[in-house]
C-alpha atoms as a PDB file:
ATOM      1  CA  MET A   1       0.000   0.000   0.000  1.00  0.00           C
ATOM      2  CA  ARG A   2       1.369   3.378  -0.958  1.00  0.00           C
ATOM      3  CA  ARG A   3       1.662   5.946   1.753  1.00  0.00           C
ATOM      4  CA  ARG A   4       0.412   9.447   1.364  1.00  0.00           C
ATOM      5  CA  THR A   5       3.076  11.639  -0.194  1.00  0.00           C
ATOM      6  CA  ARG A   6       3.635  15.356   0.040  1.00  0.00           C
ATOM      7  CA  LYS A   7       1.737  17.572  -2.349  1.00  0.00           C
ATOM      8  CA  ARG A   8       3.639  18.487  -5.482  1.00  0.00           C
ATOM      9  CA  LYS A   9       2.799  21.884  -6.882  1.00  0.00           C
ATOM     10  CA  ILE A  10       2.779  21.829 -10.675  1.00  0.00           C
ATOM     11  CA  ILE A  11       2.412  25.173 -12.415  1.00  0.00           C
ATOM     12  CA  ILE A  12       2.288  24.931 -16.188  1.00  0.00           C
ATOM     13  CA  HIS A  13       3.176  27.946 -18.346  1.00  0.00           C
ATOM     14  CA  GLU A  14       2.728  28.318 -22.079  1.00  0.00           C
ATOM     15  CA  SER A  15       6.466  27.926 -22.594  1.00  0.00           C
ATOM     16  CA  SER A  16       6.578  24.583 -20.753  1.00  0.00           C
ATOM     17  CA  ILE A  17       3.798  22.910 -22.746  1.00  0.00           C
ATOM     18  CA  HIS A  18       6.014  22.217 -25.752  1.00  0.00           C
ATOM     19  CA  ILE A  19       8.918  20.779 -23.757  1.00  0.00           C
ATOM     20  CA  SER A  20       8.628  17.467 -25.635  1.00  0.00           C
ATOM     21  CA  LYS A  21       9.358  19.298 -28.899  1.00  0.00           C
ATOM     22  CA  LYS A  22      12.432  20.848 -27.274  1.00  0.00           C
ATOM     23  CA  ILE A  23      13.730  17.433 -26.213  1.00  0.00           C
ATOM     24  CA  LYS A  24      13.204  16.050 -29.727  1.00  0.00           C
ATOM     25  CA  ALA A  25      15.046  19.046 -31.168  1.00  0.00           C
ATOM     26  CA  LEU A  26      17.932  18.464 -28.737  1.00  0.00           C
ATOM     27  CA  ILE A  27      18.192  14.805 -29.768  1.00  0.00           C
ATOM     28  CA  PHE A  28      18.230  15.823 -33.423  1.00  0.00           C
ATOM     29  CA  MET A  29      21.010  18.368 -32.742  1.00  0.00           C
ATOM     30  CA  CYS A  30      23.102  15.717 -30.952  1.00  0.00           C
ATOM     31  CA  LEU A  31      22.785  13.359 -33.908  1.00  0.00           C
ATOM     32  CA  VAL A  32      23.750  16.105 -36.345  1.00  0.00           C
ATOM     33  CA  LEU A  33      26.726  17.100 -34.169  1.00  0.00           C
ATOM     34  CA  CYS A  34      27.853  13.477 -33.983  1.00  0.00           C
ATOM     35  CA  PHE A  35      27.651  13.128 -37.778  1.00  0.00           C
ATOM     36  CA  VAL A  36      29.508  16.395 -38.422  1.00  0.00           C
ATOM     37  CA  CYS A  37      32.304  15.639 -35.937  1.00  0.00           C
ATOM     38  CA  THR A  38      32.731  12.136 -37.333  1.00  0.00           C
ATOM     39  CA  PHE A  39      32.953  13.579 -40.847  1.00  0.00           C
ATOM     40  CA  LEU A  40      35.540  16.187 -39.764  1.00  0.00           C
ATOM     41  CA  TYR A  41      37.599  13.590 -37.872  1.00  0.00           C
ATOM     42  CA  SER A  42      37.870  11.468 -41.021  1.00  0.00           C
ATOM     43  CA  PHE A  43      39.647  14.387 -42.740  1.00  0.00           C
ATOM     44  CA  PHE A  44      41.625  16.155 -40.002  1.00  0.00           C
ATOM     45  CA  HIS A  45      42.076  13.381 -37.398  1.00  0.00           C
ATOM     46  CA  PHE A  46      41.782  15.801 -34.500  1.00  0.00           C
ATOM     47  CA  ILE A  47      41.044  14.017 -31.227  1.00  0.00           C
ATOM     48  CA  ILE A  48      38.636  16.747 -30.217  1.00  0.00           C
ATOM     49  CA  PHE A  49      36.315  15.822 -33.115  1.00  0.00           C
ATOM     50  CA  GLN A  50      36.282  12.170 -32.090  1.00  0.00           C
ATOM     51  CA  PHE A  51      35.672  13.076 -28.444  1.00  0.00           C
ATOM     52  CA  VAL A  52      32.725  15.345 -29.280  1.00  0.00           C
ATOM     53  CA  SER A  53      31.300  12.729 -31.634  1.00  0.00           C
ATOM     54  CA  ILE A  54      31.410   9.984 -28.980  1.00  0.00           C
ATOM     55  CA  CYS A  55      29.950  12.269 -26.299  1.00  0.00           C
ATOM     56  CA  SER A  56      27.106  13.320 -28.599  1.00  0.00           C
ATOM     57  CA  LEU A  57      26.384   9.702 -29.452  1.00  0.00           C
ATOM     58  CA  PHE A  58      26.214   8.664 -25.784  1.00  0.00           C
ATOM     59  CA  PHE A  59      24.097  11.700 -24.919  1.00  0.00           C
ATOM     60  CA  VAL A  60      21.290  10.574 -27.253  1.00  0.00           C
ATOM     61  CA  PRO A  61      20.280   7.413 -25.263  1.00  0.00           C
ATOM     62  CA  ALA A  62      20.318   9.457 -22.060  1.00  0.00           C
ATOM     63  CA  LEU A  63      17.943  11.967 -23.642  1.00  0.00           C
ATOM     64  CA  LEU A  64      15.705   9.168 -24.925  1.00  0.00           C
ATOM     65  CA  ILE A  65      15.506   7.608 -21.446  1.00  0.00           C
ATOM     66  CA  ALA A  66      14.782  10.985 -19.889  1.00  0.00           C
ATOM     67  CA  TYR A  67      12.115  11.670 -22.502  1.00  0.00           C
ATOM     68  CA  ASP A  68      10.477   8.272 -21.908  1.00  0.00           C
ATOM     69  CA  ARG A  69      10.353   8.892 -18.153  1.00  0.00           C
ATOM     70  CA  TYR A  70       9.021  12.383 -18.726  1.00  0.00           C
ATOM     71  CA  LYS A  71       6.193  11.047 -20.909  1.00  0.00           C
ATOM     72  CA  LYS A  72       5.203   8.701 -18.089  1.00  0.00           C
ATOM     73  CA  SER A  73       5.216  11.472 -15.485  1.00  0.00           C
ATOM     74  CA  ILE A  74       2.108  13.179 -14.184  1.00  0.00           C
ATOM     75  CA  LYS A  75       3.459  16.558 -15.252  1.00  0.00           C
ATOM     76  CA  TYR A  76       3.518  15.485 -18.896  1.00  0.00           C
ATOM     77  CA  LEU A  77      -0.098  14.260 -18.662  1.00  0.00           C
ATOM     78  CA  LEU A  78      -1.175  17.555 -17.117  1.00  0.00           C
ATOM     79  CA  GLN A  79       0.662  19.540 -19.772  1.00  0.00           C
ATOM     80  CA  VAL A  80      -1.063  17.618 -22.571  1.00  0.00           C
ATOM     81  CA  PHE A  81      -4.437  18.192 -20.910  1.00  0.00           C
ATOM     82  CA  VAL A  82      -3.755  21.906 -20.473  1.00  0.00           C
ATOM     83  CA  GLU A  83      -2.866  22.148 -24.151  1.00  0.00           C
ATOM     84  CA  ARG A  84      -5.893  20.201 -25.382  1.00  0.00           C
ATOM     85  CA  ALA A  85      -8.334  21.944 -23.042  1.00  0.00           C
ATOM     86  CA  GLU A  86      -6.864  25.326 -23.981  1.00  0.00           C
ATOM     87  CA  LEU A  87      -6.638  26.412 -20.360  1.00  0.00           C
ATOM     88  CA  ILE A  88      -3.886  28.805 -21.370  1.00  0.00           C
ATOM     89  CA  LYS A  89      -3.260  30.263 -24.809  1.00  0.00           C
ATOM     90  CA  ASN A  90      -0.491  32.069 -26.627  1.00  0.00           C
ATOM     91  CA  ASP A  91      -2.203  35.415 -26.114  1.00  0.00           C
ATOM     92  CA  LEU A  92      -0.907  37.367 -23.140  1.00  0.00           C
ATOM     93  CA  ASP A  93      -3.082  39.708 -21.160  1.00  0.00           C
ATOM     94  CA  SER A  94      -2.945  43.480 -21.422  1.00  0.00           C
ATOM     95  CA  ASN A  95      -0.075  43.620 -18.926  1.00  0.00           C
ATOM     96  CA  GLN A  96       1.972  41.109 -20.950  1.00  0.00           C
ATOM     97  CA  VAL A  97       1.744  38.578 -18.110  1.00  0.00           C
ATOM     98  CA  THR A  98       2.094  34.915 -19.113  1.00  0.00           C
ATOM     99  CA  LEU A  99      -0.939  32.839 -18.189  1.00  0.00           C
ATOM    100  CA  SER A 100      -0.538  29.573 -16.258  1.00  0.00           C
ATOM    101  CA  ALA A 101      -2.480  26.611 -14.867  1.00  0.00           C
ATOM    102  CA  LYS A 102      -1.909  25.373 -11.321  1.00  0.00           C
ATOM    103  CA  PHE A 103      -2.259  21.763 -10.129  1.00  0.00           C
ATOM    104  CA  LEU A 104      -1.490  19.999  -6.843  1.00  0.00           C
ATOM    105  CA  TYR A 105      -0.696  16.285  -6.998  1.00  0.00           C
ATOM    106  CA  TYR A 106      -0.140  13.639  -4.322  1.00  0.00           C
ATOM    107  CA  MET A 107      -0.720   9.925  -3.745  1.00  0.00           C
ATOM    108  CA  ASP A 108      -2.937   8.600  -0.976  1.00  0.00           C
ATOM    109  CA  SER A 109      -3.055   4.848  -0.333  1.00  0.00           C
ATOM    110  CA  ASP A 110      -3.728   3.324  -3.783  1.00  0.00           C
ATOM    111  CA  CYS A 111      -5.188   6.470  -5.315  1.00  0.00           C
ATOM    112  CA  ASP A 112      -3.824   9.477  -7.191  1.00  0.00           C
ATOM    113  CA  ILE A 113      -5.258  12.804  -6.072  1.00  0.00           C
ATOM    114  CA  ILE A 114      -5.097  15.779  -8.430  1.00  0.00           C
ATOM    115  CA  GLU A 115      -6.290  19.194  -7.330  1.00  0.00           C
ATOM    116  CA  TYR A 116      -6.932  21.833  -9.964  1.00  0.00           C
ATOM    117  CA  VAL A 117      -6.805  25.466  -8.859  1.00  0.00           C
ATOM    118  CA  PRO A 118      -8.517  27.585 -11.529  1.00  0.00           C
ATOM    119  CA  ARG A 119      -7.326  31.096 -12.187  1.00  0.00           C
ATOM    120  CA  ALA A 120      -9.680  33.928 -12.992  1.00  0.00           C
ATOM    121  CA  VAL A 121      -8.495  33.897 -16.605  1.00  0.00           C
ATOM    122  CA  ASN A 122      -8.796  30.167 -17.297  1.00  0.00           C
ATOM    123  CA  LYS A 123     -11.906  28.919 -15.540  1.00  0.00           C
ATOM    124  CA  ILE A 124     -13.907  26.380 -17.555  1.00  0.00           C
ATOM    125  CA  ASN A 125     -17.186  24.557 -17.082  1.00  0.00           C
ATOM    126  CA  ILE A 126     -16.465  22.582 -13.921  1.00  0.00           C
ATOM    127  CA  ASP A 127     -19.207  20.041 -14.756  1.00  0.00           C
ATOM    128  CA  ASN A 128     -17.370  18.832 -17.869  1.00  0.00           C
ATOM    129  CA  PHE A 129     -13.867  19.150 -16.435  1.00  0.00           C
ATOM    130  CA  PRO A 130     -13.517  15.657 -14.833  1.00  0.00           C
ATOM    131  CA  VAL A 131     -14.901  13.920 -17.943  1.00  0.00           C
ATOM    132  CA  ARG A 132     -12.488  15.669 -20.309  1.00  0.00           C
ATOM    133  CA  PHE A 133      -9.678  15.173 -17.826  1.00  0.00           C
ATOM    134  CA  VAL A 134     -10.196  11.393 -17.692  1.00  0.00           C
ATOM    135  CA  GLU A 135     -10.416  11.167 -21.490  1.00  0.00           C
ATOM    136  CA  VAL A 136      -7.024  12.843 -21.937  1.00  0.00           C
ATOM    137  CA  LEU A 137      -5.304  10.901 -19.132  1.00  0.00           C
ATOM    138  CA  GLU A 138      -6.467   7.537 -20.488  1.00  0.00           C
ATOM    139  CA  ASP A 139      -5.646   8.472 -24.082  1.00  0.00           C
ATOM    140  CA  ILE A 140      -2.071   9.515 -23.269  1.00  0.00           C
ATOM    141  CA  SER A 141      -1.121   7.071 -20.500  1.00  0.00           C
ATOM    142  CA  LYS A 142      -2.916   4.052 -22.069  1.00  0.00           C
ATOM    143  CA  LYS A 143      -4.130   2.892 -18.654  1.00  0.00           C
ATOM    144  CA  PRO A 144      -7.464   3.289 -16.840  1.00  0.00           C
ATOM    145  CA  TRP A 145      -8.065   6.428 -14.775  1.00  0.00           C
ATOM    146  CA  ILE A 146     -11.216   5.750 -12.759  1.00  0.00           C
ATOM    147  CA  LEU A 147     -12.708   8.767 -10.991  1.00  0.00           C
ATOM    148  CA  VAL A 148     -13.487   7.593  -7.451  1.00  0.00           C
ATOM    149  CA  ASP A 149     -14.431  10.925  -5.918  1.00  0.00           C
ATOM    150  CA  CYS A 150     -14.781  14.527  -7.026  1.00  0.00           C
ATOM    151  CA  SER A 151     -15.315  17.459  -4.688  1.00  0.00           C
ATOM    152  CA  ILE A 152     -15.435  21.198  -5.178  1.00  0.00           C
ATOM    153  CA  THR A 153     -13.973  23.532  -2.600  1.00  0.00           C
ATOM    154  CA  ARG A 154     -14.111  27.313  -2.522  1.00  0.00           C
ATOM    155  CA  THR A 155     -10.884  27.597  -4.484  1.00  0.00           C
ATOM    156  CA  SER A 156     -10.259  24.279  -6.249  1.00  0.00           C
ATOM    157  CA  LEU A 157     -11.543  21.046  -7.763  1.00  0.00           C
ATOM    158  CA  ILE A 158     -10.217  17.871  -6.099  1.00  0.00           C
ATOM    159  CA  MET A 159     -10.314  14.621  -8.110  1.00  0.00           C
ATOM    160  CA  LYS A 160      -9.410  11.203  -6.714  1.00  0.00           C
ATOM    161  CA  PHE A 161      -8.409   8.475  -9.182  1.00  0.00           C
ATOM    162  CA  THR A 162      -7.653   4.776  -9.029  1.00  0.00           C
ATOM    163  CA  HIS A 163      -6.198   2.492 -11.689  1.00  0.00           C
ATOM    164  CA  GLU A 164      -7.720  -0.742 -10.387  1.00  0.00           C
ATOM    165  CA  PRO A 165     -10.753  -2.087 -12.298  1.00  0.00           C
ATOM    166  CA  GLU A 166     -14.108  -2.373 -10.576  1.00  0.00           C
ATOM    167  CA  LYS A 167     -14.741  -5.672  -8.755  1.00  0.00           C
ATOM    168  CA  ARG A 168     -18.055  -7.489  -8.526  1.00  0.00           C
ATOM    169  CA  LEU A 169     -19.515  -8.526  -5.200  1.00  0.00           C
ATOM    170  CA  VAL A 170     -19.673 -12.287  -4.699  1.00  0.00           C
ATOM    171  CA  ILE A 171     -22.349 -13.533  -2.275  1.00  0.00           C
ATOM    172  CA  ASP A 172     -21.973 -17.101  -1.086  1.00  0.00           C
ATOM    173  CA  SER A 173     -23.829 -16.927   2.241  1.00  0.00           C
ATOM    174  CA  ASP A 174     -26.070 -14.808   4.462  1.00  0.00           C
ATOM    175  CA  SER A 175     -23.013 -13.554   6.327  1.00  0.00           C
ATOM    176  CA  ASP A 176     -21.631 -12.163   3.050  1.00  0.00           C
ATOM    177  CA  LEU A 177     -24.885 -10.330   2.461  1.00  0.00           C
ATOM    178  CA  ASN A 178     -24.843  -8.806   5.942  1.00  0.00           C
ATOM    179  CA  SER A 179     -21.202  -7.758   5.571  1.00  0.00           C
ATOM    180  CA  PHE A 180     -22.129  -5.556   2.596  1.00  0.00           C
ATOM    181  CA  LEU A 181     -24.475  -3.480   4.788  1.00  0.00           C
ATOM    182  CA  GLU A 182     -21.927  -1.328   6.564  1.00  0.00           C
ATOM    183  CA  GLN A 183     -24.173   1.618   7.463  1.00  0.00           C
ATOM    184  CA  PRO A 184     -27.912   2.196   7.943  1.00  0.00           C
ATOM    185  CA  LYS A 185     -29.614   3.208   4.682  1.00  0.00           C
ATOM    186  CA  VAL A 186     -26.493   2.322   2.629  1.00  0.00           C
ATOM    187  CA  ILE A 187     -26.369  -0.686   0.268  1.00  0.00           C
ATOM    188  CA  ARG A 188     -23.079  -1.707  -1.335  1.00  0.00           C
ATOM    189  CA  ILE A 189     -23.414  -2.252  -5.094  1.00  0.00           C
ATOM    190  CA  SER A 190     -19.789  -3.088  -5.995  1.00  0.00           C
ATOM    191  CA  SER A 191     -16.305  -2.800  -4.538  1.00  0.00           C
ATOM    192  CA  ARG A 192     -16.446   1.008  -4.804  1.00  0.00           C
ATOM    193  CA  VAL A 193     -20.082   1.941  -5.466  1.00  0.00           C
ATOM    194  CA  THR A 194     -22.680   2.296  -2.715  1.00  0.00           C
ATOM    195  CA  TRP A 195     -26.297   3.389  -2.777  1.00  0.00           C
ATOM    196  CA  ASP A 196     -27.216   5.791   0.019  1.00  0.00           C
ATOM    197  CA  LEU A 197     -31.003   5.602   0.248  1.00  0.00           C
ATOM    198  CA  GLU A 198     -31.248   8.901   2.126  1.00  0.00           C
ATOM    199  CA  LYS A 199     -29.150  10.888  -0.373  1.00  0.00           C
ATOM    200  CA  ALA A 200     -30.632   9.220  -3.485  1.00  0.00           C
ATOM    201  CA  PRO A 201     -34.043   7.691  -2.691  1.00  0.00           C
ATOM    202  CA  THR A 202     -34.770   6.847  -6.346  1.00  0.00           C
ATOM    203  CA  ALA A 203     -32.728   4.884  -8.895  1.00  0.00           C
ATOM    204  CA  ALA A 204     -33.006   3.415 -12.386  1.00  0.00           C
ATOM    205  CA  VAL A 205     -31.327   0.134 -13.395  1.00  0.00           C
ATOM    206  CA  LEU A 206     -30.515   0.034 -17.105  1.00  0.00           C
ATOM    207  CA  GLY A 207     -28.915  -2.690 -19.225  1.00  0.00           C
ATOM    208  CA  GLY A 208     -29.365  -5.113 -22.073  1.00  0.00           C
ATOM    209  CA  THR A 209     -31.223  -8.415 -21.956  1.00  0.00           C
ATOM    210  CA  GLY A 210     -29.476 -10.886 -19.671  1.00  0.00           C
ATOM    211  CA  SER A 211     -27.126  -8.289 -18.188  1.00  0.00           C
ATOM    212  CA  GLY A 212     -28.324  -8.948 -14.632  1.00  0.00           C
ATOM    213  CA  LYS A 213     -30.800  -6.118 -13.984  1.00  0.00           C
ATOM    214  CA  SER A 214     -33.358  -8.275 -12.193  1.00  0.00           C
ATOM    215  CA  SER A 215     -30.672 -10.081 -10.172  1.00  0.00           C
ATOM    216  CA  LEU A 216     -29.314  -6.727  -8.985  1.00  0.00           C
ATOM    217  CA  ILE A 217     -32.806  -5.544  -8.042  1.00  0.00           C
ATOM    218  CA  LYS A 218     -33.458  -8.747  -6.110  1.00  0.00           C
ATOM    219  CA  TYR A 219     -30.173  -8.248  -4.237  1.00  0.00           C
ATOM    220  CA  VAL A 220     -31.202  -4.660  -3.407  1.00  0.00           C
ATOM    221  CA  ILE A 221     -34.581  -5.908  -2.122  1.00  0.00           C
ATOM    222  CA  LEU A 222     -32.904  -8.435   0.178  1.00  0.00           C
ATOM    223  CA  CYS A 223     -30.481  -5.825   1.494  1.00  0.00           C
ATOM    224  CA  PHE A 224     -33.313  -3.348   2.074  1.00  0.00           C
ATOM    225  CA  LEU A 225     -35.306  -5.868   4.084  1.00  0.00           C
ATOM    226  CA  ILE A 226     -32.248  -6.727   6.187  1.00  0.00           C
ATOM    227  CA  LEU A 227     -31.413  -3.071   6.920  1.00  0.00           C
ATOM    228  CA  HIS A 228     -34.456  -2.615   9.191  1.00  0.00           C
ATOM    229  CA  LYS A 229     -36.977  -5.111  10.511  1.00  0.00           C
ATOM    230  CA  GLN A 230     -39.827  -2.671   9.790  1.00  0.00           C
ATOM    231  CA  ASN A 231     -38.818  -2.030   6.169  1.00  0.00           C
ATOM    232  CA  GLU A 232     -41.363  -3.087   3.543  1.00  0.00           C
ATOM    233  CA  VAL A 233     -41.005  -3.636  -0.212  1.00  0.00           C
ATOM    234  CA  PHE A 234     -43.662  -3.222  -2.905  1.00  0.00           C
ATOM    235  CA  VAL A 235     -42.873  -5.117  -6.129  1.00  0.00           C
ATOM    236  CA  ILE A 236     -44.565  -4.694  -9.512  1.00  0.00           C
ATOM    237  CA  ASP A 237     -43.402  -7.255 -12.090  1.00  0.00           C
ATOM    238  CA  GLY A 238     -45.212  -6.804 -15.395  1.00  0.00           C
ATOM    239  CA  LYS A 239     -44.120 -10.147 -16.860  1.00  0.00           C
ATOM    240  CA  SER A 240     -44.473 -12.357 -13.763  1.00  0.00           C
ATOM    241  CA  ALA A 241     -40.798 -13.112 -14.233  1.00  0.00           C
ATOM    242  CA  PHE A 242     -37.801 -13.209 -11.916  1.00  0.00           C
ATOM    243  CA  LEU A 243     -38.912 -10.531  -9.444  1.00  0.00           C
ATOM    244  CA  TYR A 244     -42.357 -12.061  -9.042  1.00  0.00           C
ATOM    245  CA  SER A 245     -40.668 -14.804  -7.045  1.00  0.00           C
ATOM    246  CA  THR A 246     -40.108 -12.239  -4.269  1.00  0.00           C
ATOM    247  CA  SER A 247     -43.676 -13.024  -3.209  1.00  0.00           C
ATOM    248  CA  SER A 248     -42.213 -16.080  -1.464  1.00  0.00           C
ATOM    249  CA  PHE A 249     -40.352 -13.944   1.092  1.00  0.00           C
ATOM    250  CA  ASN A 250     -41.908 -10.470   0.714  1.00  0.00           C
ATOM    251  CA  LYS A 251     -44.190 -10.061   3.709  1.00  0.00           C
ATOM    252  CA  ASP A 252     -47.797  -8.845   3.547  1.00  0.00           C
ATOM    253  CA  GLY A 253     -48.122  -9.914  -0.076  1.00  0.00           C
ATOM    254  CA  HIS A 254     -46.712  -6.689  -1.566  1.00  0.00           C
ATOM    255  CA  THR A 255     -46.046  -8.290  -4.964  1.00  0.00           C
ATOM    256  CA  THR A 256     -48.265  -7.968  -8.042  1.00  0.00           C
ATOM    257  CA  ASN A 257     -48.133  -8.690 -11.774  1.00  0.00           C
ATOM    258  CA  THR A 258     -51.363  -7.131 -13.087  1.00  0.00           C
ATOM    259  CA  PRO A 259     -52.306  -3.563 -14.051  1.00  0.00           C
ATOM    260  CA  GLU A 260     -55.162  -3.571 -11.561  1.00  0.00           C
ATOM    261  CA  GLY A 261     -52.892  -4.809  -8.773  1.00  0.00           C
ATOM    262  CA  ALA A 262     -50.322  -2.160  -9.667  1.00  0.00           C
ATOM    263  CA  MET A 263     -52.932   0.618  -9.413  1.00  0.00           C
ATOM    264  CA  LEU A 264     -54.146  -0.646  -6.038  1.00  0.00           C
ATOM    265  CA  MET A 265     -50.558  -0.901  -4.807  1.00  0.00           C
ATOM    266  CA  LEU A 266     -49.758   2.677  -5.873  1.00  0.00           C
ATOM    267  CA  ASP A 267     -52.947   3.884  -4.166  1.00  0.00           C
ATOM    268  CA  GLU A 268     -51.854   2.118  -0.979  1.00  0.00           C
ATOM    269  CA  ILE A 269     -48.369   3.673  -1.104  1.00  0.00           C
ATOM    270  CA  THR A 270     -49.865   7.132  -1.751  1.00  0.00           C
ATOM    271  CA  LYS A 271     -52.120   6.754   1.290  1.00  0.00           C
ATOM    272  CA  ILE A 272     -49.124   5.735   3.437  1.00  0.00           C
ATOM    273  CA  MET A 273     -47.194   8.809   2.249  1.00  0.00           C
ATOM    274  CA  ASN A 274     -50.124  11.148   2.955  1.00  0.00           C
ATOM    275  CA  ASP A 275     -50.559   9.654   6.432  1.00  0.00           C
ATOM    276  CA  ARG A 276     -46.877  10.203   7.151  1.00  0.00           C
ATOM    277  CA  TYR A 277     -47.025  13.802   5.903  1.00  0.00           C
ATOM    278  CA  ALA A 278     -49.998  14.408   8.197  1.00  0.00           C
ATOM    279  CA  GLN A 279     -48.122  12.893  11.144  1.00  0.00           C
ATOM    280  CA  MET A 280     -45.045  15.019  10.415  1.00  0.00           C
ATOM    281  CA  ASN A 281     -47.110  18.217  10.160  1.00  0.00           C
ATOM    282  CA  ALA A 282     -49.371  17.508  13.121  1.00  0.00           C
ATOM    283  CA  ASN A 283     -47.490  19.970  15.315  1.00  0.00           C
ATOM    284  CA  PRO A 284     -47.187  23.355  13.499  1.00  0.00           C
ATOM    285  CA  ASP A 285     -44.612  24.519  16.062  1.00  0.00           C
ATOM    286  CA  ASP A 286     -42.265  21.657  15.230  1.00  0.00           C
ATOM    287  CA  GLU A 287     -39.684  23.091  12.810  1.00  0.00           C
ATOM    288  CA  GLU A 288     -37.167  20.232  12.819  1.00  0.00           C
ATOM    289  CA  ASP A 289     -35.614  19.823   9.371  1.00  0.00           C
ATOM    290  CA  ILE A 290     -35.455  16.012   9.368  1.00  0.00           C
ATOM    291  CA  THR A 291     -37.072  13.191   7.429  1.00  0.00           C
ATOM    292  CA  TYR A 292     -39.834  10.912   8.671  1.00  0.00           C
ATOM    293  CA  CYS A 293     -37.467   7.954   9.121  1.00  0.00           C
ATOM    294  CA  GLU A 294     -35.011  10.126  11.066  1.00  0.00           C
ATOM    295  CA  LYS A 295     -37.761  11.282  13.404  1.00  0.00           C
ATOM    296  CA  TYR A 296     -39.476   7.902  13.761  1.00  0.00           C
ATOM    297  CA  LYS A 297     -36.586   5.458  13.620  1.00  0.00           C
ATOM    298  CA  ASP A 298     -38.725   2.471  14.626  1.00  0.00           C
ATOM    299  CA  LYS A 299     -41.140   2.890  11.702  1.00  0.00           C
ATOM    300  CA  GLY A 300     -38.892   1.720   8.886  1.00  0.00           C
ATOM    301  CA  SER A 301     -39.063   2.696   5.213  1.00  0.00           C
ATOM    302  CA  TYR A 302     -40.874   1.624   2.046  1.00  0.00           C
ATOM    303  CA  LEU A 303     -39.232   0.628  -1.237  1.00  0.00           C
ATOM    304  CA  LEU A 304     -41.209   0.513  -4.495  1.00  0.00           C
ATOM    305  CA  VAL A 305     -39.682  -1.657  -7.257  1.00  0.00           C
ATOM    306  CA  ILE A 306     -41.121  -1.720 -10.779  1.00  0.00           C
ATOM    307  CA  ASP A 307     -39.810  -4.185 -13.376  1.00  0.00           C
ATOM    308  CA  GLU A 308     -41.052  -4.710 -16.980  1.00  0.00           C
ATOM    309  CA  LEU A 309     -43.372  -1.708 -16.764  1.00  0.00           C
ATOM    310  CA  LEU A 310     -44.226  -1.719 -20.483  1.00  0.00           C
ATOM    311  CA  ALA A 311     -45.780  -5.167 -20.143  1.00  0.00           C
ATOM    312  CA  LEU A 312     -48.542  -3.579 -18.054  1.00  0.00           C
ATOM    313  CA  MET A 313     -49.411  -0.900 -20.613  1.00  0.00           C
END
């Protein structure tokens, strides 16, 4: 496991973006110098020409190694991104001050953390920034850059990356299932993805035929029922397929496969919601800014799952 390293401040100027071209030009000059000195030595036999020729020839591999390491460095990746994203341009401002882009980089555990500090002159749409950033990093480095976390502070954008591919959860027993429920209201979906029911109470599961949509939903139902003994699940399965089998363990018979049953179920859920709103608003002097489940922790929650909706139309 990698330890957290000190932050490296990387400030990229317009003149530093094309450093790769400068290195290539230097290699070309060394090769030309080597050829010229070798040619002159063949005529004049001065030792100095042979010495310069040999030194130039040995300097080329060193430059190639340095250039290869530079291309693998984070600074090179940032410079390419700055150039492609046009964060800084050739044009100077009215005071003839060179524009620059500032990054902070450090490693934490198995993740790379890159912090971008926008300047007033080079701010871009922060919503598209991480997406474009990942595209450039993966294109240049030829390895995966998976955005694990992204947060915006008052002065910067902090992005946390990993290079390890996502891992599926493997459930072999009830103990495995319970181990994936680390916090109340939080269901683990994969090795890095969790579903916080309080922060995101609704979700859509999309995928092709046979991709495992119904299996994932059934796993979520089981986790939801385990999270709280008072939790209840309402299931609408338009094709009487995989999710209809939840009727075998879903208490109170909250599973249906007909349009009429779906309408009655939605009416029942609407009544429950209205009753809860009335209970929450019973005391007009109560101004607590909390949810029903936070205020009445023993009541549990309700989860509505709809699969194969078009089959009911």
